[in-house]
């Protein structure tokens, strides 16, 4: 049973809204800043993956990471406990409670576990947040959060390019 609405966090309420079809969970997460603990954890996992030549799928298909994985197509999800094991293998100094928060934040379908798509999407976003931002990236992000302002920015940019091009003729 779920706690009363007043006791639930804004995140939980928004996730419920996303589940009802107004936004996908990934779209919802894109519109909100990622909590620092989530970002920190994901960046450290990403660093570990790059350092050891791993892909996200390895966390789901290798028994040294996913203790409940079965080769017959069984469990292809990571529980908070399994993500905690991964975090420890990455050399991270995190608590089980922090890892549980990460799983709860990223879990799009409410099963208290992460599937490949949920983790992969989050890792890509954490990488993207580290990348330098150019003008078009800023406008693209603005399209999600404030389409009207983004449209104005694109029009201004188009006008400036047009003026510049006219001078070249």
Foldseek 3Di string as FASTA:
>chain_A
DDDDPVPDDPLVVVLVVCVVPPNALLLVPLQDDDDPLLLVLLVLLVVLCVVVVHDLQCCQAPCQQAVPDDPVPPDRWAALVSSVSSSVVSVHDDDSVSSQVNQVNQDNPPPRIGHSVSSVSSSVVSVVVVDDDDPVNVLVSCCSHPVVVSVVVVVVVVVVVVVVVVVVD
